[in-house]
mmCIF file of all heavy atoms, coordinates in Angstrom:
data_MODEL
# 
_entry.id   MODEL 
# 
loop_
_atom_site.group_PDB 
_atom_site.id 
_atom_site.type_symbol 
_atom_site.label_atom_id 
_atom_site.label_alt_id 
_atom_site.label_comp_id 
_atom_site.label_asym_id 
_atom_site.label_entity_id 
_atom_site.label_seq_id 
_atom_site.pdbx_PDB_ins_code 
_atom_site.Cartn_x 
_atom_site.Cartn_y 
_atom_site.Cartn_z 
_atom_site.occupancy 
_atom_site.B_iso_or_equiv 
_atom_site.pdbx_formal_charge 
_atom_site.auth_seq_id 
_atom_site.auth_comp_id 
_atom_site.auth_asym_id 
_atom_site.auth_atom_id 
_atom_site.pdbx_PDB_model_num 
ATOM 1   N N   . LEU A 1 1  ? 4.090   3.063   -4.590  1.00 0.00 ? 1  LEU A N   1 
ATOM 2   C CA  . LEU A 1 1  ? 3.435   1.966   -3.956  1.00 0.00 ? 1  LEU A CA  1 
ATOM 3   C C   . LEU A 1 1  ? 1.920   2.168   -4.009  1.00 0.00 ? 1  LEU A C   1 
ATOM 4   O O   . LEU A 1 1  ? 1.480   3.326   -3.701  1.00 0.00 ? 1  LEU A O   1 
ATOM 5   C CB  . LEU A 1 1  ? 3.935   1.849   -2.494  1.00 0.00 ? 1  LEU A CB  1 
ATOM 6   C CG  . LEU A 1 1  ? 3.268   0.712   -1.655  1.00 0.00 ? 1  LEU A CG  1 
ATOM 7   C CD1 . LEU A 1 1  ? 3.691   -0.625  -2.140  1.00 0.00 ? 1  LEU A CD1 1 
ATOM 8   C CD2 . LEU A 1 1  ? 3.640   0.895   -0.192  1.00 0.00 ? 1  LEU A CD2 1 
ATOM 9   N N   . ARG A 1 2  ? 1.197   1.204   -4.383  1.00 0.00 ? 2  ARG A N   1 
ATOM 10  C CA  . ARG A 1 2  ? -0.279  1.393   -4.425  1.00 0.00 ? 2  ARG A CA  1 
ATOM 11  C C   . ARG A 1 2  ? -0.985  0.063   -4.146  1.00 0.00 ? 2  ARG A C   1 
ATOM 12  O O   . ARG A 1 2  ? -0.488  -1.033  -4.220  1.00 0.00 ? 2  ARG A O   1 
ATOM 13  C CB  . ARG A 1 2  ? -0.727  1.917   -5.781  1.00 0.00 ? 2  ARG A CB  1 
ATOM 14  C CG  . ARG A 1 2  ? -0.331  0.980   -6.947  1.00 0.00 ? 2  ARG A CG  1 
ATOM 15  C CD  . ARG A 1 2  ? -0.732  1.558   -8.262  1.00 0.00 ? 2  ARG A CD  1 
ATOM 16  N NE  . ARG A 1 2  ? -0.176  0.810   -9.428  1.00 0.00 ? 2  ARG A NE  1 
ATOM 17  C CZ  . ARG A 1 2  ? -0.634  -0.304  -9.942  1.00 0.00 ? 2  ARG A CZ  1 
ATOM 18  N NH1 . ARG A 1 2  ? -1.788  -0.813  -9.417  1.00 0.00 ? 2  ARG A NH1 1 
ATOM 19  N NH2 . ARG A 1 2  ? -0.090  -0.907  -10.903 1.00 0.00 ? 2  ARG A NH2 1 
ATOM 20  N N   . ALA A 1 3  ? -2.240  0.215   -3.700  1.00 0.00 ? 3  ALA A N   1 
ATOM 21  C CA  . ALA A 1 3  ? -3.096  -0.963  -3.412  1.00 0.00 ? 3  ALA A CA  1 
ATOM 22  C C   . ALA A 1 3  ? -4.568  -0.502  -3.531  1.00 0.00 ? 3  ALA A C   1 
ATOM 23  O O   . ALA A 1 3  ? -4.861  0.669   -3.396  1.00 0.00 ? 3  ALA A O   1 
ATOM 24  C CB  . ALA A 1 3  ? -2.832  -1.483  -1.976  1.00 0.00 ? 3  ALA A CB  1 
ATOM 25  N N   . ALA A 1 4  ? -5.394  -1.484  -3.760  1.00 0.00 ? 4  ALA A N   1 
ATOM 26  C CA  . ALA A 1 4  ? -6.787  -1.114  -4.002  1.00 0.00 ? 4  ALA A CA  1 
ATOM 27  C C   . ALA A 1 4  ? -7.756  -2.143  -3.415  1.00 0.00 ? 4  ALA A C   1 
ATOM 28  O O   . ALA A 1 4  ? -7.395  -3.313  -3.158  1.00 0.00 ? 4  ALA A O   1 
ATOM 29  C CB  . ALA A 1 4  ? -7.121  -1.022  -5.512  1.00 0.00 ? 4  ALA A CB  1 
ATOM 30  N N   . VAL A 1 5  ? -8.977  -1.790  -3.136  1.00 0.00 ? 5  VAL A N   1 
ATOM 31  C CA  . VAL A 1 5  ? -10.022 -2.680  -2.705  1.00 0.00 ? 5  VAL A CA  1 
ATOM 32  C C   . VAL A 1 5  ? -10.982 -2.793  -3.840  1.00 0.00 ? 5  VAL A C   1 
ATOM 33  O O   . VAL A 1 5  ? -11.366 -1.791  -4.494  1.00 0.00 ? 5  VAL A O   1 
ATOM 34  C CB  . VAL A 1 5  ? -10.760 -2.119  -1.464  1.00 0.00 ? 5  VAL A CB  1 
ATOM 35  C CG1 . VAL A 1 5  ? -11.965 -2.974  -1.053  1.00 0.00 ? 5  VAL A CG1 1 
ATOM 36  C CG2 . VAL A 1 5  ? -9.835  -1.996  -0.268  1.00 0.00 ? 5  VAL A CG2 1 
ATOM 37  N N   . GLU A 1 6  ? -11.418 -4.023  -4.146  1.00 0.00 ? 6  GLU A N   1 
ATOM 38  C CA  . GLU A 1 6  ? -12.293 -4.305  -5.309  1.00 0.00 ? 6  GLU A CA  1 
ATOM 39  C C   . GLU A 1 6  ? -13.600 -4.857  -4.857  1.00 0.00 ? 6  GLU A C   1 
ATOM 40  O O   . GLU A 1 6  ? -13.683 -5.612  -3.840  1.00 0.00 ? 6  GLU A O   1 
ATOM 41  C CB  . GLU A 1 6  ? -11.674 -5.341  -6.266  1.00 0.00 ? 6  GLU A CB  1 
ATOM 42  C CG  . GLU A 1 6  ? -10.433 -4.802  -6.939  1.00 0.00 ? 6  GLU A CG  1 
ATOM 43  C CD  . GLU A 1 6  ? -9.903  -5.763  -7.952  1.00 0.00 ? 6  GLU A CD  1 
ATOM 44  O OE1 . GLU A 1 6  ? -10.455 -6.905  -8.110  1.00 0.00 ? 6  GLU A OE1 1 
ATOM 45  O OE2 . GLU A 1 6  ? -8.937  -5.488  -8.639  1.00 0.00 ? 6  GLU A OE2 1 
ATOM 46  N N   . TYR A 1 7  ? -14.666 -4.511  -5.584  1.00 0.00 ? 7  TYR A N   1 
ATOM 47  C CA  . TYR A 1 7  ? -15.974 -5.148  -5.380  1.00 0.00 ? 7  TYR A CA  1 
ATOM 48  C C   . TYR A 1 7  ? -16.380 -5.889  -6.599  1.00 0.00 ? 7  TYR A C   1 
ATOM 49  O O   . TYR A 1 7  ? -16.376 -5.313  -7.721  1.00 0.00 ? 7  TYR A O   1 
ATOM 50  C CB  . TYR A 1 7  ? -17.074 -4.071  -5.064  1.00 0.00 ? 7  TYR A CB  1 
ATOM 51  C CG  . TYR A 1 7  ? -18.467 -4.693  -4.982  1.00 0.00 ? 7  TYR A CG  1 
ATOM 52  C CD1 . TYR A 1 7  ? -18.905 -5.303  -3.902  1.00 0.00 ? 7  TYR A CD1 1 
ATOM 53  C CD2 . TYR A 1 7  ? -19.343 -4.567  -6.113  1.00 0.00 ? 7  TYR A CD2 1 
ATOM 54  C CE1 . TYR A 1 7  ? -20.205 -5.923  -3.840  1.00 0.00 ? 7  TYR A CE1 1 
ATOM 55  C CE2 . TYR A 1 7  ? -20.548 -5.122  -6.074  1.00 0.00 ? 7  TYR A CE2 1 
ATOM 56  C CZ  . TYR A 1 7  ? -20.972 -5.814  -4.917  1.00 0.00 ? 7  TYR A CZ  1 
ATOM 57  O OH  . TYR A 1 7  ? -22.255 -6.331  -4.860  1.00 0.00 ? 7  TYR A OH  1 
ATOM 58  N N   . ASP A 1 8  ? -16.695 -7.150  -6.480  1.00 0.00 ? 8  ASP A N   1 
ATOM 59  C CA  . ASP A 1 8  ? -17.081 -8.020  -7.656  1.00 0.00 ? 8  ASP A CA  1 
ATOM 60  C C   . ASP A 1 8  ? -18.539 -8.225  -7.587  1.00 0.00 ? 8  ASP A C   1 
ATOM 61  O O   . ASP A 1 8  ? -19.040 -8.889  -6.632  1.00 0.00 ? 8  ASP A O   1 
ATOM 62  C CB  . ASP A 1 8  ? -16.320 -9.306  -7.526  1.00 0.00 ? 8  ASP A CB  1 
ATOM 63  C CG  . ASP A 1 8  ? -16.498 -10.152 -8.785  1.00 0.00 ? 8  ASP A CG  1 
ATOM 64  O OD1 . ASP A 1 8  ? -17.537 -10.054 -9.417  1.00 0.00 ? 8  ASP A OD1 1 
ATOM 65  O OD2 . ASP A 1 8  ? -15.526 -10.955 -9.093  1.00 0.00 ? 8  ASP A OD2 1 
ATOM 66  N N   . GLY A 1 9  ? -19.260 -7.695  -8.577  1.00 0.00 ? 9  GLY A N   1 
ATOM 67  C CA  . GLY A 1 9  ? -20.747 -7.871  -8.602  1.00 0.00 ? 9  GLY A CA  1 
ATOM 68  C C   . GLY A 1 9  ? -21.123 -9.251  -8.772  1.00 0.00 ? 9  GLY A C   1 
ATOM 69  O O   . GLY A 1 9  ? -22.273 -9.623  -8.285  1.00 0.00 ? 9  GLY A O   1 
ATOM 70  N N   . ALA A 1 10 ? -20.370 -10.132 -9.409  1.00 0.00 ? 10 ALA A N   1 
ATOM 71  C CA  . ALA A 1 10 ? -20.744 -11.498 -9.590  1.00 0.00 ? 10 ALA A CA  1 
ATOM 72  C C   . ALA A 1 10 ? -20.752 -12.275 -8.297  1.00 0.00 ? 10 ALA A C   1 
ATOM 73  O O   . ALA A 1 10 ? -21.616 -13.076 -7.985  1.00 0.00 ? 10 ALA A O   1 
ATOM 74  C CB  . ALA A 1 10 ? -19.840 -12.191 -10.640 1.00 0.00 ? 10 ALA A CB  1 
ATOM 75  N N   . GLU A 1 11 ? -19.740 -11.982 -7.490  1.00 0.00 ? 11 GLU A N   1 
ATOM 76  C CA  . GLU A 1 11 ? -19.649 -12.636 -6.177  1.00 0.00 ? 11 GLU A CA  1 
ATOM 77  C C   . GLU A 1 11 ? -20.266 -11.886 -5.061  1.00 0.00 ? 11 GLU A C   1 
ATOM 78  O O   . GLU A 1 11 ? -20.395 -12.414 -3.913  1.00 0.00 ? 11 GLU A O   1 
ATOM 79  C CB  . GLU A 1 11 ? -18.136 -12.881 -5.889  1.00 0.00 ? 11 GLU A CB  1 
ATOM 80  C CG  . GLU A 1 11 ? -17.405 -13.797 -6.826  1.00 0.00 ? 11 GLU A CG  1 
ATOM 81  C CD  . GLU A 1 11 ? -15.942 -14.029 -6.448  1.00 0.00 ? 11 GLU A CD  1 
ATOM 82  O OE1 . GLU A 1 11 ? -15.539 -13.481 -5.385  1.00 0.00 ? 11 GLU A OE1 1 
ATOM 83  O OE2 . GLU A 1 11 ? -15.257 -14.723 -7.260  1.00 0.00 ? 11 GLU A OE2 1 
ATOM 84  N N   . ARG A 1 12 ? -20.611 -10.608 -5.341  1.00 0.00 ? 12 ARG A N   1 
ATOM 85  C CA  . ARG A 1 12 ? -21.221 -9.740  -4.321  1.00 0.00 ? 12 ARG A CA  1 
ATOM 86  C C   . ARG A 1 12 ? -20.363 -9.647  -3.096  1.00 0.00 ? 12 ARG A C   1 
ATOM 87  O O   . ARG A 1 12 ? -20.814 -9.827  -1.968  1.00 0.00 ? 12 ARG A O   1 
ATOM 88  C CB  . ARG A 1 12 ? -22.618 -10.176 -3.989  1.00 0.00 ? 12 ARG A CB  1 
ATOM 89  C CG  . ARG A 1 12 ? -23.608 -10.119 -5.153  1.00 0.00 ? 12 ARG A CG  1 
ATOM 90  C CD  . ARG A 1 12 ? -25.010 -10.506 -4.750  1.00 0.00 ? 12 ARG A CD  1 
ATOM 91  N NE  . ARG A 1 12 ? -25.943 -10.380 -5.856  1.00 0.00 ? 12 ARG A NE  1 
ATOM 92  C CZ  . ARG A 1 12 ? -27.239 -10.631 -5.816  1.00 0.00 ? 12 ARG A CZ  1 
ATOM 93  N NH1 . ARG A 1 12 ? -27.757 -11.026 -4.653  1.00 0.00 ? 12 ARG A NH1 1 
ATOM 94  N NH2 . ARG A 1 12 ? -27.958 -10.588 -6.870  1.00 0.00 ? 12 ARG A NH2 1 
ATOM 95  N N   . SER A 1 13 ? -19.080 -9.405  -3.328  1.00 0.00 ? 13 SER A N   1 
ATOM 96  C CA  . SER A 1 13 ? -18.099 -9.349  -2.159  1.00 0.00 ? 13 SER A CA  1 
ATOM 97  C C   . SER A 1 13 ? -17.021 -8.333  -2.561  1.00 0.00 ? 13 SER A C   1 
ATOM 98  O O   . SER A 1 13 ? -16.721 -8.084  -3.713  1.00 0.00 ? 13 SER A O   1 
ATOM 99  C CB  . SER A 1 13 ? -17.474 -10.774 -1.952  1.00 0.00 ? 13 SER A CB  1 
ATOM 100 O OG  . SER A 1 13 ? -16.728 -11.189 -3.092  1.00 0.00 ? 13 SER A OG  1 
ATOM 101 N N   . ALA A 1 14 ? -16.435 -7.843  -1.464  1.00 0.00 ? 14 ALA A N   1 
ATOM 102 C CA  . ALA A 1 14 ? -15.312 -6.898  -1.598  1.00 0.00 ? 14 ALA A CA  1 
ATOM 103 C C   . ALA A 1 14 ? -14.082 -7.490  -0.917  1.00 0.00 ? 14 ALA A C   1 
ATOM 104 O O   . ALA A 1 14 ? -14.216 -8.093  0.095   1.00 0.00 ? 14 ALA A O   1 
ATOM 105 C CB  . ALA A 1 14 ? -15.672 -5.511  -1.057  1.00 0.00 ? 14 ALA A CB  1 
ATOM 106 N N   . ALA A 1 15 ? -12.901 -7.198  -1.467  1.00 0.00 ? 15 ALA A N   1 
ATOM 107 C CA  . ALA A 1 15 ? -11.686 -7.729  -0.927  1.00 0.00 ? 15 ALA A CA  1 
ATOM 108 C C   . ALA A 1 15 ? -10.514 -6.871  -1.465  1.00 0.00 ? 15 ALA A C   1 
ATOM 109 O O   . ALA A 1 15 ? -10.685 -6.119  -2.377  1.00 0.00 ? 15 ALA A O   1 
ATOM 110 C CB  . ALA A 1 15 ? -11.503 -9.194  -1.166  1.00 0.00 ? 15 ALA A CB  1 
ATOM 111 N N   . LEU A 1 16 ? -9.370  -7.143  -0.919  1.00 0.00 ? 16 LEU A N   1 
ATOM 112 C CA  . LEU A 1 16 ? -8.175  -6.478  -1.445  1.00 0.00 ? 16 LEU A CA  1 
ATOM 113 C C   . LEU A 1 16 ? -7.984  -6.878  -2.930  1.00 0.00 ? 16 LEU A C   1 
ATOM 114 O O   . LEU A 1 16 ? -8.070  -8.069  -3.260  1.00 0.00 ? 16 LEU A O   1 
ATOM 115 C CB  . LEU A 1 16 ? -6.930  -6.876  -0.669  1.00 0.00 ? 16 LEU A CB  1 
ATOM 116 C CG  . LEU A 1 16 ? -5.594  -6.185  -1.116  1.00 0.00 ? 16 LEU A CG  1 
ATOM 117 C CD1 . LEU A 1 16 ? -5.609  -4.757  -0.647  1.00 0.00 ? 16 LEU A CD1 1 
ATOM 118 C CD2 . LEU A 1 16 ? -4.412  -6.954  -0.655  1.00 0.00 ? 16 LEU A CD2 1 
ATOM 119 N N   . GLY A 1 17 ? -7.771  -5.888  -3.775  1.00 0.00 ? 17 GLY A N   1 
ATOM 120 C CA  . GLY A 1 17 ? -7.585  -6.136  -5.195  1.00 0.00 ? 17 GLY A CA  1 
ATOM 121 C C   . GLY A 1 17 ? -6.147  -6.050  -5.598  1.00 0.00 ? 17 GLY A C   1 
ATOM 122 O O   . GLY A 1 17 ? -5.278  -6.619  -4.991  1.00 0.00 ? 17 GLY A O   1 
ATOM 123 N N   . GLU A 1 18 ? -5.862  -5.190  -6.610  1.00 0.00 ? 18 GLU A N   1 
ATOM 124 C CA  . GLU A 1 18 ? -4.485  -5.144  -7.122  1.00 0.00 ? 18 GLU A CA  1 
ATOM 125 C C   . GLU A 1 18 ? -3.579  -4.385  -6.152  1.00 0.00 ? 18 GLU A C   1 
ATOM 126 O O   . GLU A 1 18 ? -4.035  -3.544  -5.399  1.00 0.00 ? 18 GLU A O   1 
ATOM 127 C CB  . GLU A 1 18 ? -4.512  -4.467  -8.505  1.00 0.00 ? 18 GLU A CB  1 
ATOM 128 C CG  . GLU A 1 18 ? -4.893  -2.960  -8.475  1.00 0.00 ? 18 GLU A CG  1 
ATOM 129 C CD  . GLU A 1 18 ? -4.854  -2.302  -9.810  1.00 0.00 ? 18 GLU A CD  1 
ATOM 130 O OE1 . GLU A 1 18 ? -4.772  -3.039  -10.829 1.00 0.00 ? 18 GLU A OE1 1 
ATOM 131 O OE2 . GLU A 1 18 ? -4.837  -1.072  -9.860  1.00 0.00 ? 18 GLU A OE2 1 
ATOM 132 N N   . TYR A 1 19 ? -2.329  -4.717  -6.239  1.00 0.00 ? 19 TYR A N   1 
ATOM 133 C CA  . TYR A 1 19 ? -1.293  -4.023  -5.408  1.00 0.00 ? 19 TYR A CA  1 
ATOM 134 C C   . TYR A 1 19 ? -0.007  -4.022  -6.207  1.00 0.00 ? 19 TYR A C   1 
ATOM 135 O O   . TYR A 1 19 ? 0.190   -4.951  -7.040  1.00 0.00 ? 19 TYR A O   1 
ATOM 136 C CB  . TYR A 1 19 ? -1.086  -4.737  -4.070  1.00 0.00 ? 19 TYR A CB  1 
ATOM 137 C CG  . TYR A 1 19 ? -0.906  -6.232  -4.222  1.00 0.00 ? 19 TYR A CG  1 
ATOM 138 C CD1 . TYR A 1 19 ? 0.329   -6.784  -4.317  1.00 0.00 ? 19 TYR A CD1 1 
ATOM 139 C CD2 . TYR A 1 19 ? -2.014  -7.075  -4.178  1.00 0.00 ? 19 TYR A CD2 1 
ATOM 140 C CE1 . TYR A 1 19 ? 0.487   -8.145  -4.474  1.00 0.00 ? 19 TYR A CE1 1 
ATOM 141 C CE2 . TYR A 1 19 ? -1.877  -8.410  -4.355  1.00 0.00 ? 19 TYR A CE2 1 
ATOM 142 C CZ  . TYR A 1 19 ? -0.567  -8.985  -4.447  1.00 0.00 ? 19 TYR A CZ  1 
ATOM 143 O OH  . TYR A 1 19 ? -0.432  -10.353 -4.617  1.00 0.00 ? 19 TYR A OH  1 
ATOM 144 N N   . ALA A 1 20 ? 0.816   -3.065  -5.985  1.00 0.00 ? 20 ALA A N   1 
ATOM 145 C CA  . ALA A 1 20 ? 2.024   -2.945  -6.835  1.00 0.00 ? 20 ALA A CA  1 
ATOM 146 C C   . ALA A 1 20 ? 3.126   -2.105  -6.169  1.00 0.00 ? 20 ALA A C   1 
ATOM 147 O O   . ALA A 1 20 ? 2.804   -1.181  -5.370  1.00 0.00 ? 20 ALA A O   1 
ATOM 148 C CB  . ALA A 1 20 ? 1.659   -2.359  -8.231  1.00 0.00 ? 20 ALA A CB  1 
ATOM 149 N N   . LEU A 1 21 ? 4.333   -2.418  -6.478  1.00 0.00 ? 21 LEU A N   1 
ATOM 150 C CA  . LEU A 1 21 ? 5.499   -1.633  -6.151  1.00 0.00 ? 21 LEU A CA  1 
ATOM 151 C C   . LEU A 1 21 ? 6.276   -1.334  -7.452  1.00 0.00 ? 21 LEU A C   1 
ATOM 152 O O   . LEU A 1 21 ? 6.580   -2.263  -8.181  1.00 0.00 ? 21 LEU A O   1 
ATOM 153 C CB  . LEU A 1 21 ? 6.419   -2.401  -5.148  1.00 0.00 ? 21 LEU A CB  1 
ATOM 154 C CG  . LEU A 1 21 ? 7.673   -1.679  -4.696  1.00 0.00 ? 21 LEU A CG  1 
ATOM 155 C CD1 . LEU A 1 21 ? 7.359   -0.398  -3.891  1.00 0.00 ? 21 LEU A CD1 1 
ATOM 156 C CD2 . LEU A 1 21 ? 8.567   -2.606  -3.869  1.00 0.00 ? 21 LEU A CD2 1 
ATOM 157 N N   . GLU A 1 22 ? 6.473   -0.084  -7.736  1.00 0.00 ? 22 GLU A N   1 
ATOM 158 C CA  . GLU A 1 22 ? 6.998   0.343   -9.059  1.00 0.00 ? 22 GLU A CA  1 
ATOM 159 C C   . GLU A 1 22 ? 8.214   1.216   -8.939  1.00 0.00 ? 22 GLU A C   1 
ATOM 160 O O   . GLU A 1 22 ? 8.345   2.002   -7.993  1.00 0.00 ? 22 GLU A O   1 
ATOM 161 C CB  . GLU A 1 22 ? 5.923   1.122   -9.815  1.00 0.00 ? 22 GLU A CB  1 
ATOM 162 C CG  . GLU A 1 22 ? 4.576   0.377   -9.918  1.00 0.00 ? 22 GLU A CG  1 
ATOM 163 C CD  . GLU A 1 22 ? 3.477   1.235   -10.480 1.00 0.00 ? 22 GLU A CD  1 
ATOM 164 O OE1 . GLU A 1 22 ? 3.730   2.440   -10.846 1.00 0.00 ? 22 GLU A OE1 1 
ATOM 165 O OE2 . GLU A 1 22 ? 2.325   0.767   -10.634 1.00 0.00 ? 22 GLU A OE2 1 
ATOM 166 N N   . TYR A 1 23 ? 9.068   1.119   -9.886  1.00 0.00 ? 23 TYR A N   1 
ATOM 167 C CA  . TYR A 1 23 ? 10.287  1.905   -10.007 1.00 0.00 ? 23 TYR A CA  1 
ATOM 168 C C   . TYR A 1 23 ? 10.377  2.549   -11.385 1.00 0.00 ? 23 TYR A C   1 
ATOM 169 O O   . TYR A 1 23 ? 10.185  1.879   -12.430 1.00 0.00 ? 23 TYR A O   1 
ATOM 170 C CB  . TYR A 1 23 ? 11.557  1.056   -9.772  1.00 0.00 ? 23 TYR A CB  1 
ATOM 171 C CG  . TYR A 1 23 ? 12.868  1.763   -10.069 1.00 0.00 ? 23 TYR A CG  1 
ATOM 172 C CD1 . TYR A 1 23 ? 13.348  2.681   -9.140  1.00 0.00 ? 23 TYR A CD1 1 
ATOM 173 C CD2 . TYR A 1 23 ? 13.523  1.537   -11.218 1.00 0.00 ? 23 TYR A CD2 1 
ATOM 174 C CE1 . TYR A 1 23 ? 14.552  3.306   -9.399  1.00 0.00 ? 23 TYR A CE1 1 
ATOM 175 C CE2 . TYR A 1 23 ? 14.753  2.161   -11.492 1.00 0.00 ? 23 TYR A CE2 1 
ATOM 176 C CZ  . TYR A 1 23 ? 15.307  3.087   -10.592 1.00 0.00 ? 23 TYR A CZ  1 
ATOM 177 O OH  . TYR A 1 23 ? 16.433  3.720   -10.859 1.00 0.00 ? 23 TYR A OH  1 
ATOM 178 N N   . LEU A 1 24 ? 10.627  3.873   -11.443 1.00 0.00 ? 24 LEU A N   1 
ATOM 179 C CA  . LEU A 1 24 ? 10.736  4.601   -12.712 1.00 0.00 ? 24 LEU A CA  1 
ATOM 180 C C   . LEU A 1 24 ? 11.985  5.418   -12.677 1.00 0.00 ? 24 LEU A C   1 
ATOM 181 O O   . LEU A 1 24 ? 12.348  6.065   -11.695 1.00 0.00 ? 24 LEU A O   1 
ATOM 182 C CB  . LEU A 1 24 ? 9.530   5.532   -12.881 1.00 0.00 ? 24 LEU A CB  1 
ATOM 183 C CG  . LEU A 1 24 ? 9.458   6.383   -14.159 1.00 0.00 ? 24 LEU A CG  1 
ATOM 184 C CD1 . LEU A 1 24 ? 9.169   5.424   -15.349 1.00 0.00 ? 24 LEU A CD1 1 
ATOM 185 C CD2 . LEU A 1 24 ? 8.376   7.401   -14.044 1.00 0.00 ? 24 LEU A CD2 1 
ATOM 186 N N   . LYS A 1 25 ? 12.795  5.407   -13.827 1.00 0.00 ? 25 LYS A N   1 
ATOM 187 C CA  . LYS A 1 25 ? 13.998  6.165   -13.904 1.00 0.00 ? 25 LYS A CA  1 
ATOM 188 C C   . LYS A 1 25 ? 14.135  6.759   -15.282 1.00 0.00 ? 25 LYS A C   1 
ATOM 189 O O   . LYS A 1 25 ? 13.999  6.081   -16.294 1.00 0.00 ? 25 LYS A O   1 
ATOM 190 C CB  . LYS A 1 25 ? 15.190  5.224   -13.631 1.00 0.00 ? 25 LYS A CB  1 
ATOM 191 C CG  . LYS A 1 25 ? 16.558  5.888   -13.781 1.00 0.00 ? 25 LYS A CG  1 
ATOM 192 C CD  . LYS A 1 25 ? 16.758  6.993   -12.791 1.00 0.00 ? 25 LYS A CD  1 
ATOM 193 C CE  . LYS A 1 25 ? 18.181  7.601   -12.886 1.00 0.00 ? 25 LYS A CE  1 
ATOM 194 N NZ  . LYS A 1 25 ? 18.408  8.733   -11.917 1.00 0.00 ? 25 LYS A NZ  1 
ATOM 195 N N   . ARG A 1 26 ? 14.389  8.068   -15.343 1.00 0.00 ? 26 ARG A N   1 
ATOM 196 C CA  . ARG A 1 26 ? 14.653  8.729   -16.620 1.00 0.00 ? 26 ARG A CA  1 
ATOM 197 C C   . ARG A 1 26 ? 16.157  8.647   -16.894 1.00 0.00 ? 26 ARG A C   1 
ATOM 198 O O   . ARG A 1 26 ? 17.005  9.194   -16.180 1.00 0.00 ? 26 ARG A O   1 
ATOM 199 C CB  . ARG A 1 26 ? 14.226  10.197  -16.554 1.00 0.00 ? 26 ARG A CB  1 
ATOM 200 C CG  . ARG A 1 26 ? 14.399  10.961  -17.834 1.00 0.00 ? 26 ARG A CG  1 
ATOM 201 C CD  . ARG A 1 26 ? 13.772  12.329  -17.823 1.00 0.00 ? 26 ARG A CD  1 
ATOM 202 N NE  . ARG A 1 26 ? 12.396  12.272  -17.718 1.00 0.00 ? 26 ARG A NE  1 
ATOM 203 C CZ  . ARG A 1 26 ? 11.486  11.987  -18.727 1.00 0.00 ? 26 ARG A CZ  1 
ATOM 204 N NH1 . ARG A 1 26 ? 12.013  11.789  -19.964 1.00 0.00 ? 26 ARG A NH1 1 
ATOM 205 N NH2 . ARG A 1 26 ? 10.233  11.921  -18.551 1.00 0.00 ? 26 ARG A NH2 1 
ATOM 206 N N   . ILE A 1 27 ? 16.464  8.005   -18.015 1.00 0.00 ? 27 ILE A N   1 
ATOM 207 C CA  . ILE A 1 27 ? 17.870  7.812   -18.432 1.00 0.00 ? 27 ILE A CA  1 
ATOM 208 C C   . ILE A 1 27 ? 18.323  9.043   -19.249 1.00 0.00 ? 27 ILE A C   1 
ATOM 209 O O   . ILE A 1 27 ? 19.514  9.448   -19.132 1.00 0.00 ? 27 ILE A O   1 
ATOM 210 C CB  . ILE A 1 27 ? 18.023  6.514   -19.241 1.00 0.00 ? 27 ILE A CB  1 
ATOM 211 C CG1 . ILE A 1 27 ? 17.524  5.360   -18.471 1.00 0.00 ? 27 ILE A CG1 1 
ATOM 212 C CG2 . ILE A 1 27 ? 19.459  6.363   -19.682 1.00 0.00 ? 27 ILE A CG2 1 
ATOM 213 C CD1 . ILE A 1 27 ? 18.251  5.080   -17.185 1.00 0.00 ? 27 ILE A CD1 1 
ATOM 214 N N   . SER A 1 28 ? 17.417  9.574   -20.035 1.00 0.00 ? 28 SER A N   1 
ATOM 215 C CA  . SER A 1 28 ? 17.745  10.749  -20.820 1.00 0.00 ? 28 SER A CA  1 
ATOM 216 C C   . SER A 1 28 ? 16.421  11.473  -21.144 1.00 0.00 ? 28 SER A C   1 
ATOM 217 O O   . SER A 1 28 ? 15.350  10.953  -20.766 1.00 0.00 ? 28 SER A O   1 
ATOM 218 C CB  . SER A 1 28 ? 18.409  10.340  -22.171 1.00 0.00 ? 28 SER A CB  1 
ATOM 219 O OG  . SER A 1 28 ? 17.515  9.752   -23.075 1.00 0.00 ? 28 SER A OG  1 
# 
């Protein structure tokens, strides 16, 4: 589980950026 805060220089603002929930499984 991850999440990030981003700063956009064009808008000169910071806000919540990308977020994700991931699953990984080794089959072999």
